Protein backbone atom coordinates (compact mmCIF):
# COMPACT_ATOMS: atom_id res chain seq x y z
CA UNK A 1 0.00 0.00 0.00
CA UNK A 2 1.43 3.34 -0.95
CA UNK A 3 1.90 6.32 1.34
CA UNK A 4 -1.08 8.11 -0.23
CA UNK A 5 -3.37 5.13 0.37
CA UNK A 6 -2.21 4.88 3.98
CA UNK A 7 -2.79 8.59 4.52
CA UNK A 8 -6.28 8.36 3.00
CA UNK A 9 -7.08 5.34 5.15
CA UNK A 10 -5.98 7.16 8.30
CA UNK A 11 -7.96 10.25 7.35
CA UNK A 12 -11.07 8.16 6.69
CA UNK A 13 -10.64 6.28 9.96
CA UNK A 14 -10.25 9.52 11.93
CA UNK A 15 -13.31 11.02 10.25
CA UNK A 16 -15.27 7.85 11.01
CA UNK A 17 -14.34 8.11 14.69
CA UNK A 18 -15.40 11.77 14.82
CA UNK A 19 -18.72 10.97 13.13
CA UNK A 20 -19.30 8.03 15.48
CA UNK A 21 -18.73 10.25 18.51
CA UNK A 22 -21.16 12.78 17.02
CA UNK A 23 -23.74 10.02 16.57
CA UNK A 24 -23.36 8.87 20.16
CA UNK A 25 -23.22 12.32 21.78
CA UNK A 26 -26.04 13.90 19.76
CA UNK A 27 -28.68 13.54 22.44
CA UNK A 28 -30.55 16.74 21.62
CA UNK A 29 -30.79 16.31 17.88
CA UNK A 30 -31.81 12.90 16.62
CA UNK A 31 -31.60 13.81 12.90
CA UNK A 32 -27.96 14.88 13.35
CA UNK A 33 -27.22 11.59 15.11
CA UNK A 34 -28.88 9.62 12.32
CA UNK A 35 -26.94 11.50 9.65
CA UNK A 36 -23.69 11.00 11.56
CA UNK A 37 -24.34 7.25 11.77
CA UNK A 38 -25.06 7.22 8.04
CA UNK A 39 -21.81 9.08 7.45
CA UNK A 40 -19.90 6.40 9.37
CA UNK A 41 -21.36 3.74 7.07
CA UNK A 42 -20.63 5.80 3.97
CA UNK A 43 -17.02 6.36 5.00
CA UNK A 44 -16.68 2.67 5.81
CA UNK A 45 -17.82 1.83 2.29
CA UNK A 46 -15.20 4.20 0.85
CA UNK A 47 -12.57 2.57 3.05
CA UNK A 48 -13.64 -0.88 1.83
CA UNK A 49 -13.29 0.37 -1.73
CA UNK A 50 -9.74 1.60 -1.01
CA UNK A 51 -8.93 -1.78 0.53
CA UNK A 52 -9.99 -3.49 -2.74
CA UNK A 53 -13.26 -5.00 -1.55
CA UNK A 54 -15.81 -3.51 -3.96
CA UNK A 55 -18.54 -6.06 -3.20
CA UNK A 56 -18.40 -5.28 0.52
CA UNK A 57 -18.27 -1.55 -0.26
CA UNK A 58 -21.40 -1.72 -2.41
CA UNK A 59 -23.27 -3.70 0.24
CA UNK A 60 -22.24 -1.30 3.00
CA UNK A 61 -23.24 1.72 0.92
CA UNK A 62 -26.62 0.26 -0.01
CA UNK A 63 -27.62 -1.31 3.29
CA UNK A 64 -25.57 0.44 5.94
CA UNK A 65 -25.67 3.96 4.62
CA UNK A 66 -28.77 4.08 2.44
CA UNK A 67 -31.42 1.74 3.77
CA UNK A 68 -30.61 2.05 7.47
CA UNK A 69 -30.55 5.85 7.38
CA UNK A 70 -33.86 5.91 5.50
CA UNK A 71 -35.38 3.46 7.97
CA UNK A 72 -34.25 5.53 10.97
CA UNK A 73 -35.77 8.68 9.48
CA UNK A 74 -38.98 6.81 8.63
CA UNK A 75 -39.32 5.49 12.18
CA UNK A 76 -38.47 8.90 13.64
CA UNK A 77 -41.22 10.45 11.57
CA UNK A 78 -43.70 7.82 12.72
CA UNK A 79 -42.77 8.30 16.37
CA UNK A 80 -43.12 12.07 16.17
CA UNK A 81 -46.56 11.69 14.60
CA UNK A 82 -45.69 12.90 11.10
CA UNK A 83 -46.84 9.65 9.47
CA UNK A 84 -50.48 8.88 8.80
CA UNK A 85 -51.98 5.43 9.37
PDB file of N, CA and C in Angstrom:
ATOM      1  N   UNK A   1       0.850  -1.167   0.000  1.00  0.00           N
ATOM      2  CA  UNK A   1       0.000   0.000   0.000  1.00  0.00           C
ATOM      3  C   UNK A   1       0.899   1.235   0.000  1.00  0.00           C
ATOM      4  N   UNK A   2       0.580   2.159  -0.831  1.00  0.00           N
ATOM      5  CA  UNK A   2       1.426   3.340  -0.947  1.00  0.00           C
ATOM      6  C   UNK A   2       1.176   4.299   0.213  1.00  0.00           C
ATOM      7  N   UNK A   3       2.007   5.308   0.279  1.00  0.00           N
ATOM      8  CA  UNK A   3       1.899   6.316   1.335  1.00  0.00           C
ATOM      9  C   UNK A   3       0.574   7.069   1.215  1.00  0.00           C
ATOM     10  N   UNK A   4       0.173   7.384  -0.016  1.00  0.00           N
ATOM     11  CA  UNK A   4      -1.083   8.109  -0.230  1.00  0.00           C
ATOM     12  C   UNK A   4      -2.279   7.294   0.233  1.00  0.00           C
ATOM     13  N   UNK A   5      -2.270   5.999  -0.057  1.00  0.00           N
ATOM     14  CA  UNK A   5      -3.366   5.126   0.374  1.00  0.00           C
ATOM     15  C   UNK A   5      -3.409   5.019   1.892  1.00  0.00           C
ATOM     16  N   UNK A   6      -2.251   4.937   2.519  1.00  0.00           N
ATOM     17  CA  UNK A   6      -2.209   4.880   3.978  1.00  0.00           C
ATOM     18  C   UNK A   6      -2.717   6.177   4.589  1.00  0.00           C
ATOM     19  N   UNK A   7      -2.333   7.299   4.003  1.00  0.00           N
ATOM     20  CA  UNK A   7      -2.787   8.587   4.517  1.00  0.00           C
ATOM     21  C   UNK A   7      -4.298   8.732   4.349  1.00  0.00           C
ATOM     22  N   UNK A   8      -4.833   8.302   3.210  1.00  0.00           N
ATOM     23  CA  UNK A   8      -6.280   8.359   2.998  1.00  0.00           C
ATOM     24  C   UNK A   8      -7.019   7.451   3.965  1.00  0.00           C
ATOM     25  N   UNK A   9      -6.458   6.271   4.209  1.00  0.00           N
ATOM     26  CA  UNK A   9      -7.085   5.341   5.147  1.00  0.00           C
ATOM     27  C   UNK A   9      -7.113   5.917   6.552  1.00  0.00           C
ATOM     28  N   UNK A  10      -6.022   6.536   6.974  1.00  0.00           N
ATOM     29  CA  UNK A  10      -5.975   7.156   8.295  1.00  0.00           C
ATOM     30  C   UNK A  10      -6.944   8.323   8.399  1.00  0.00           C
ATOM     31  N   UNK A  11      -7.035   9.125   7.349  1.00  0.00           N
ATOM     32  CA  UNK A  11      -7.960  10.250   7.349  1.00  0.00           C
ATOM     33  C   UNK A  11      -9.408   9.760   7.412  1.00  0.00           C
ATOM     34  N   UNK A  12      -9.721   8.724   6.645  1.00  0.00           N
ATOM     35  CA  UNK A  12     -11.071   8.163   6.691  1.00  0.00           C
ATOM     36  C   UNK A  12     -11.391   7.572   8.059  1.00  0.00           C
ATOM     37  N   UNK A  13     -10.425   6.880   8.645  1.00  0.00           N
ATOM     38  CA  UNK A  13     -10.640   6.283   9.964  1.00  0.00           C
ATOM     39  C   UNK A  13     -10.857   7.360  11.023  1.00  0.00           C
ATOM     40  N   UNK A  14     -10.077   8.437  10.965  1.00  0.00           N
ATOM     41  CA  UNK A  14     -10.246   9.523  11.933  1.00  0.00           C
ATOM     42  C   UNK A  14     -11.597  10.209  11.755  1.00  0.00           C
ATOM     43  N   UNK A  15     -12.012  10.402  10.512  1.00  0.00           N
ATOM     44  CA  UNK A  15     -13.313  11.018  10.255  1.00  0.00           C
ATOM     45  C   UNK A  15     -14.444  10.101  10.706  1.00  0.00           C
ATOM     46  N   UNK A  16     -14.270   8.795  10.539  1.00  0.00           N
ATOM     47  CA  UNK A  16     -15.271   7.845  11.011  1.00  0.00           C
ATOM     48  C   UNK A  16     -15.408   7.906  12.531  1.00  0.00           C
ATOM     49  N   UNK A  17     -14.302   8.031  13.231  1.00  0.00           N
ATOM     50  CA  UNK A  17     -14.338   8.112  14.693  1.00  0.00           C
ATOM     51  C   UNK A  17     -15.045   9.389  15.141  1.00  0.00           C
ATOM     52  N   UNK A  18     -14.747  10.500  14.477  1.00  0.00           N
ATOM     53  CA  UNK A  18     -15.402  11.769  14.820  1.00  0.00           C
ATOM     54  C   UNK A  18     -16.910  11.684  14.570  1.00  0.00           C
ATOM     55  N   UNK A  19     -17.294  11.107  13.437  1.00  0.00           N
ATOM     56  CA  UNK A  19     -18.720  10.972  13.129  1.00  0.00           C
ATOM     57  C   UNK A  19     -19.409  10.013  14.100  1.00  0.00           C
ATOM     58  N   UNK A  20     -18.719   8.966  14.518  1.00  0.00           N
ATOM     59  CA  UNK A  20     -19.298   8.031  15.476  1.00  0.00           C
ATOM     60  C   UNK A  20     -19.512   8.695  16.835  1.00  0.00           C
ATOM     61  N   UNK A  21     -18.564   9.512  17.248  1.00  0.00           N
ATOM     62  CA  UNK A  21     -18.730  10.246  18.509  1.00  0.00           C
ATOM     63  C   UNK A  21     -19.895  11.231  18.392  1.00  0.00           C
ATOM     64  N   UNK A  22     -20.020  11.876  17.234  1.00  0.00           N
ATOM     65  CA  UNK A  22     -21.158  12.778  17.021  1.00  0.00           C
ATOM     66  C   UNK A  22     -22.484  12.014  17.085  1.00  0.00           C
ATOM     67  N   UNK A  23     -22.515  10.817  16.543  1.00  0.00           N
ATOM     68  CA  UNK A  23     -23.741  10.016  16.567  1.00  0.00           C
ATOM     69  C   UNK A  23     -24.103   9.604  17.992  1.00  0.00           C
ATOM     70  N   UNK A  24     -23.100   9.303  18.789  1.00  0.00           N
ATOM     71  CA  UNK A  24     -23.361   8.872  20.164  1.00  0.00           C
ATOM     72  C   UNK A  24     -23.724  10.050  21.059  1.00  0.00           C
ATOM     73  N   UNK A  25     -23.030  11.160  20.900  1.00  0.00           N
ATOM     74  CA  UNK A  25     -23.219  12.321  21.781  1.00  0.00           C
ATOM     75  C   UNK A  25     -24.378  13.227  21.373  1.00  0.00           C
ATOM     76  N   UNK A  26     -24.975  13.020  20.231  1.00  0.00           N
ATOM     77  CA  UNK A  26     -26.040  13.903  19.757  1.00  0.00           C
ATOM     78  C   UNK A  26     -27.366  13.613  20.413  1.00  0.00           C
ATOM     79  N   UNK A  27     -27.472  13.877  21.700  1.00  0.00           N
ATOM     80  CA  UNK A  27     -28.683  13.542  22.442  1.00  0.00           C
ATOM     81  C   UNK A  27     -29.823  14.510  22.162  1.00  0.00           C
ATOM     82  N   UNK A  28     -29.501  15.754  21.842  1.00  0.00           N
ATOM     83  CA  UNK A  28     -30.547  16.745  21.623  1.00  0.00           C
ATOM     84  C   UNK A  28     -31.123  16.694  20.218  1.00  0.00           C
ATOM     85  N   UNK A  29     -30.345  16.278  19.255  1.00  0.00           N
ATOM     86  CA  UNK A  29     -30.791  16.311  17.876  1.00  0.00           C
ATOM     87  C   UNK A  29     -30.685  14.920  17.252  1.00  0.00           C
ATOM     88  N   UNK A  30     -31.803  14.237  17.203  1.00  0.00           N
ATOM     89  CA  UNK A  30     -31.814  12.896  16.621  1.00  0.00           C
ATOM     90  C   UNK A  30     -31.488  12.884  15.132  1.00  0.00           C
ATOM     91  N   UNK A  31     -31.979  13.840  14.324  1.00  0.00           N
ATOM     92  CA  UNK A  31     -31.599  13.810  12.903  1.00  0.00           C
ATOM     93  C   UNK A  31     -30.094  13.948  12.676  1.00  0.00           C
ATOM     94  N   UNK A  32     -29.418  14.755  13.477  1.00  0.00           N
ATOM     95  CA  UNK A  32     -27.961  14.880  13.347  1.00  0.00           C
ATOM     96  C   UNK A  32     -27.288  13.560  13.703  1.00  0.00           C
ATOM     97  N   UNK A  33     -27.786  12.888  14.734  1.00  0.00           N
ATOM     98  CA  UNK A  33     -27.224  11.589  15.114  1.00  0.00           C
ATOM     99  C   UNK A  33     -27.432  10.549  14.018  1.00  0.00           C
ATOM    100  N   UNK A  34     -28.596  10.571  13.394  1.00  0.00           N
ATOM    101  CA  UNK A  34     -28.884   9.621  12.319  1.00  0.00           C
ATOM    102  C   UNK A  34     -27.976   9.885  11.121  1.00  0.00           C
ATOM    103  N   UNK A  35     -27.822  11.158  10.773  1.00  0.00           N
ATOM    104  CA  UNK A  35     -26.945  11.500   9.651  1.00  0.00           C
ATOM    105  C   UNK A  35     -25.487  11.160   9.953  1.00  0.00           C
ATOM    106  N   UNK A  36     -25.060  11.346  11.198  1.00  0.00           N
ATOM    107  CA  UNK A  36     -23.685  10.997  11.563  1.00  0.00           C
ATOM    108  C   UNK A  36     -23.461   9.484  11.478  1.00  0.00           C
ATOM    109  N   UNK A  37     -24.454   8.705  11.889  1.00  0.00           N
ATOM    110  CA  UNK A  37     -24.340   7.247  11.769  1.00  0.00           C
ATOM    111  C   UNK A  37     -24.308   6.823  10.296  1.00  0.00           C
ATOM    112  N   UNK A  38     -25.102   7.490   9.471  1.00  0.00           N
ATOM    113  CA  UNK A  38     -25.058   7.218   8.036  1.00  0.00           C
ATOM    114  C   UNK A  38     -23.720   7.584   7.427  1.00  0.00           C
ATOM    115  N   UNK A  39     -23.127   8.672   7.926  1.00  0.00           N
ATOM    116  CA  UNK A  39     -21.809   9.080   7.445  1.00  0.00           C
ATOM    117  C   UNK A  39     -20.744   8.051   7.802  1.00  0.00           C
ATOM    118  N   UNK A  40     -20.852   7.466   8.985  1.00  0.00           N
ATOM    119  CA  UNK A  40     -19.903   6.404   9.371  1.00  0.00           C
ATOM    120  C   UNK A  40     -19.986   5.246   8.380  1.00  0.00           C
ATOM    121  N   UNK A  41     -21.194   4.841   8.029  1.00  0.00           N
ATOM    122  CA  UNK A  41     -21.358   3.742   7.074  1.00  0.00           C
ATOM    123  C   UNK A  41     -20.848   4.115   5.690  1.00  0.00           C
ATOM    124  N   UNK A  42     -21.106   5.354   5.275  1.00  0.00           N
ATOM    125  CA  UNK A  42     -20.634   5.796   3.969  1.00  0.00           C
ATOM    126  C   UNK A  42     -19.110   5.838   3.910  1.00  0.00           C
ATOM    127  N   UNK A  43     -18.491   6.334   4.962  1.00  0.00           N
ATOM    128  CA  UNK A  43     -17.024   6.362   5.005  1.00  0.00           C
ATOM    129  C   UNK A  43     -16.441   4.959   5.089  1.00  0.00           C
ATOM    130  N   UNK A  44     -17.140   4.063   5.770  1.00  0.00           N
ATOM    131  CA  UNK A  44     -16.684   2.668   5.810  1.00  0.00           C
ATOM    132  C   UNK A  44     -16.729   2.051   4.427  1.00  0.00           C
ATOM    133  N   UNK A  45     -17.752   2.386   3.642  1.00  0.00           N
ATOM    134  CA  UNK A  45     -17.822   1.833   2.292  1.00  0.00           C
ATOM    135  C   UNK A  45     -16.690   2.380   1.415  1.00  0.00           C
ATOM    136  N   UNK A  46     -16.332   3.651   1.596  1.00  0.00           N
ATOM    137  CA  UNK A  46     -15.200   4.201   0.846  1.00  0.00           C
ATOM    138  C   UNK A  46     -13.906   3.516   1.275  1.00  0.00           C
ATOM    139  N   UNK A  47     -13.770   3.266   2.567  1.00  0.00           N
ATOM    140  CA  UNK A  47     -12.570   2.571   3.053  1.00  0.00           C
ATOM    141  C   UNK A  47     -12.503   1.148   2.504  1.00  0.00           C
ATOM    142  N   UNK A  48     -13.621   0.460   2.426  1.00  0.00           N
ATOM    143  CA  UNK A  48     -13.643  -0.878   1.834  1.00  0.00           C
ATOM    144  C   UNK A  48     -13.243  -0.832   0.362  1.00  0.00           C
ATOM    145  N   UNK A  49     -13.656   0.214  -0.320  1.00  0.00           N
ATOM    146  CA  UNK A  49     -13.287   0.369  -1.727  1.00  0.00           C
ATOM    147  C   UNK A  49     -11.781   0.581  -1.876  1.00  0.00           C
ATOM    148  N   UNK A  50     -11.188   1.379  -0.989  1.00  0.00           N
ATOM    149  CA  UNK A  50      -9.743   1.599  -1.009  1.00  0.00           C
ATOM    150  C   UNK A  50      -9.002   0.298  -0.718  1.00  0.00           C
ATOM    151  N   UNK A  51      -9.571  -0.514   0.156  1.00  0.00           N
ATOM    152  CA  UNK A  51      -8.933  -1.779   0.532  1.00  0.00           C
ATOM    153  C   UNK A  51      -9.226  -2.904  -0.459  1.00  0.00           C
ATOM    154  N   UNK A  52      -9.758  -2.563  -1.639  1.00  0.00           N
ATOM    155  CA  UNK A  52      -9.986  -3.495  -2.740  1.00  0.00           C
ATOM    156  C   UNK A  52     -11.029  -4.555  -2.410  1.00  0.00           C
ATOM    157  N   UNK A  53     -12.132  -4.107  -1.803  1.00  0.00           N
ATOM    158  CA  UNK A  53     -13.262  -4.995  -1.552  1.00  0.00           C
ATOM    159  C   UNK A  53     -14.528  -4.321  -2.071  1.00  0.00           C
ATOM    160  N   UNK A  54     -14.679  -4.265  -3.408  1.00  0.00           N
ATOM    161  CA  UNK A  54     -15.807  -3.510  -3.958  1.00  0.00           C
ATOM    162  C   UNK A  54     -17.171  -4.120  -3.648  1.00  0.00           C
ATOM    163  N   UNK A  55     -17.258  -5.436  -3.514  1.00  0.00           N
ATOM    164  CA  UNK A  55     -18.541  -6.055  -3.198  1.00  0.00           C
ATOM    165  C   UNK A  55     -19.000  -5.687  -1.792  1.00  0.00           C
ATOM    166  N   UNK A  56     -18.075  -5.677  -0.842  1.00  0.00           N
ATOM    167  CA  UNK A  56     -18.398  -5.278   0.524  1.00  0.00           C
ATOM    168  C   UNK A  56     -18.736  -3.790   0.571  1.00  0.00           C
ATOM    169  N   UNK A  57     -18.016  -2.988  -0.219  1.00  0.00           N
ATOM    170  CA  UNK A  57     -18.267  -1.549  -0.263  1.00  0.00           C
ATOM    171  C   UNK A  57     -19.668  -1.246  -0.797  1.00  0.00           C
ATOM    172  N   UNK A  58     -20.069  -1.945  -1.850  1.00  0.00           N
ATOM    173  CA  UNK A  58     -21.400  -1.717  -2.408  1.00  0.00           C
ATOM    174  C   UNK A  58     -22.491  -2.135  -1.426  1.00  0.00           C
ATOM    175  N   UNK A  59     -22.291  -3.239  -0.738  1.00  0.00           N
ATOM    176  CA  UNK A  59     -23.272  -3.703   0.241  1.00  0.00           C
ATOM    177  C   UNK A  59     -23.369  -2.734   1.401  1.00  0.00           C
ATOM    178  N   UNK A  60     -22.240  -2.260   1.888  1.00  0.00           N
ATOM    179  CA  UNK A  60     -22.237  -1.299   2.999  1.00  0.00           C
ATOM    180  C   UNK A  60     -22.892   0.017   2.595  1.00  0.00           C
ATOM    181  N   UNK A  61     -22.639   0.464   1.387  1.00  0.00           N
ATOM    182  CA  UNK A  61     -23.238   1.716   0.923  1.00  0.00           C
ATOM    183  C   UNK A  61     -24.752   1.566   0.768  1.00  0.00           C
ATOM    184  N   UNK A  62     -25.190   0.447   0.230  1.00  0.00           N
ATOM    185  CA  UNK A  62     -26.620   0.262  -0.007  1.00  0.00           C
ATOM    186  C   UNK A  62     -27.389   0.005   1.285  1.00  0.00           C
ATOM    187  N   UNK A  63     -26.901  -0.920   2.082  1.00  0.00           N
ATOM    188  CA  UNK A  63     -27.623  -1.314   3.286  1.00  0.00           C
ATOM    189  C   UNK A  63     -27.273  -0.411   4.461  1.00  0.00           C
ATOM    190  N   UNK A  64     -25.993  -0.304   4.766  1.00  0.00           N
ATOM    191  CA  UNK A  64     -25.570   0.445   5.944  1.00  0.00           C
ATOM    192  C   UNK A  64     -25.845   1.924   5.859  1.00  0.00           C
ATOM    193  N   UNK A  65     -25.513   2.523   4.749  1.00  0.00           N
ATOM    194  CA  UNK A  65     -25.672   3.965   4.620  1.00  0.00           C
ATOM    195  C   UNK A  65     -27.048   4.343   4.106  1.00  0.00           C
ATOM    196  N   UNK A  66     -27.515   3.684   3.066  1.00  0.00           N
ATOM    197  CA  UNK A  66     -28.768   4.079   2.439  1.00  0.00           C
ATOM    198  C   UNK A  66     -30.007   3.600   3.159  1.00  0.00           C
ATOM    199  N   UNK A  67     -30.186   2.307   3.237  1.00  0.00           N
ATOM    200  CA  UNK A  67     -31.417   1.742   3.772  1.00  0.00           C
ATOM    201  C   UNK A  67     -31.577   2.008   5.265  1.00  0.00           C
ATOM    202  N   UNK A  68     -30.521   1.854   6.028  1.00  0.00           N
ATOM    203  CA  UNK A  68     -30.609   2.049   7.469  1.00  0.00           C
ATOM    204  C   UNK A  68     -30.925   3.498   7.816  1.00  0.00           C
ATOM    205  N   UNK A  69     -30.274   4.439   7.121  1.00  0.00           N
ATOM    206  CA  UNK A  69     -30.551   5.851   7.378  1.00  0.00           C
ATOM    207  C   UNK A  69     -31.996   6.190   7.016  1.00  0.00           C
ATOM    208  N   UNK A  70     -32.460   5.694   5.885  1.00  0.00           N
ATOM    209  CA  UNK A  70     -33.860   5.906   5.497  1.00  0.00           C
ATOM    210  C   UNK A  70     -34.807   5.314   6.529  1.00  0.00           C
ATOM    211  N   UNK A  71     -34.517   4.117   6.998  1.00  0.00           N
ATOM    212  CA  UNK A  71     -35.382   3.455   7.967  1.00  0.00           C
ATOM    213  C   UNK A  71     -35.421   4.227   9.285  1.00  0.00           C
ATOM    214  N   UNK A  72     -34.276   4.729   9.736  1.00  0.00           N
ATOM    215  CA  UNK A  72     -34.245   5.527  10.965  1.00  0.00           C
ATOM    216  C   UNK A  72     -35.095   6.787  10.821  1.00  0.00           C
ATOM    217  N   UNK A  73     -34.975   7.479   9.683  1.00  0.00           N
ATOM    218  CA  UNK A  73     -35.775   8.683   9.484  1.00  0.00           C
ATOM    219  C   UNK A  73     -37.267   8.345   9.368  1.00  0.00           C
ATOM    220  N   UNK A  74     -37.588   7.239   8.738  1.00  0.00           N
ATOM    221  CA  UNK A  74     -38.981   6.810   8.633  1.00  0.00           C
ATOM    222  C   UNK A  74     -39.575   6.547  10.011  1.00  0.00           C
ATOM    223  N   UNK A  75     -38.846   5.814  10.835  1.00  0.00           N
ATOM    224  CA  UNK A  75     -39.324   5.493  12.184  1.00  0.00           C
ATOM    225  C   UNK A  75     -39.401   6.761  13.032  1.00  0.00           C
ATOM    226  N   UNK A  76     -38.441   7.642  12.897  1.00  0.00           N
ATOM    227  CA  UNK A  76     -38.469   8.901  13.639  1.00  0.00           C
ATOM    228  C   UNK A  76     -39.693   9.725  13.267  1.00  0.00           C
ATOM    229  N   UNK A  77     -40.022   9.753  11.997  1.00  0.00           N
ATOM    230  CA  UNK A  77     -41.222  10.453  11.574  1.00  0.00           C
ATOM    231  C   UNK A  77     -42.483   9.827  12.115  1.00  0.00           C
ATOM    232  N   UNK A  78     -42.531   8.498  12.170  1.00  0.00           N
ATOM    233  CA  UNK A  78     -43.704   7.817  12.716  1.00  0.00           C
ATOM    234  C   UNK A  78     -43.836   8.058  14.212  1.00  0.00           C
ATOM    235  N   UNK A  79     -42.734   8.084  14.925  1.00  0.00           N
ATOM    236  CA  UNK A  79     -42.770   8.296  16.367  1.00  0.00           C
ATOM    237  C   UNK A  79     -43.230   9.715  16.686  1.00  0.00           C
ATOM    238  N   UNK A  80     -42.757  10.679  15.921  1.00  0.00           N
ATOM    239  CA  UNK A  80     -43.123  12.068  16.169  1.00  0.00           C
ATOM    240  C   UNK A  80     -44.528  12.409  15.677  1.00  0.00           C
ATOM    241  N   UNK A  81     -45.182  11.471  15.018  1.00  0.00           N
ATOM    242  CA  UNK A  81     -46.562  11.686  14.597  1.00  0.00           C
ATOM    243  C   UNK A  81     -46.704  12.306  13.233  1.00  0.00           C
ATOM    244  N   UNK A  82     -45.614  12.330  12.446  1.00  0.00           N
ATOM    245  CA  UNK A  82     -45.693  12.896  11.100  1.00  0.00           C
ATOM    246  C   UNK A  82     -46.344  11.934  10.118  1.00  0.00           C
ATOM    247  N   UNK A  83     -46.276  10.644  10.400  1.00  0.00           N
ATOM    248  CA  UNK A  83     -46.841   9.652   9.472  1.00  0.00           C
ATOM    249  C   UNK A  83     -48.321   9.435   9.733  1.00  0.00           C
ATOM    250  N   UNK A  84     -49.051   9.142   8.685  1.00  0.00           N
ATOM    251  CA  UNK A  84     -50.477   8.875   8.798  1.00  0.00           C
ATOM    252  C   UNK A  84     -50.727   7.373   8.668  1.00  0.00           C
ATOM    253  N   UNK A  85     -51.689   6.872   9.423  1.00  0.00           N
ATOM    254  CA  UNK A  85     -51.980   5.433   9.373  1.00  0.00           C
ATOM    255  C   UNK A  85     -52.743   5.042   8.142  1.00  0.00           C
TER     256      UNK A  85
END
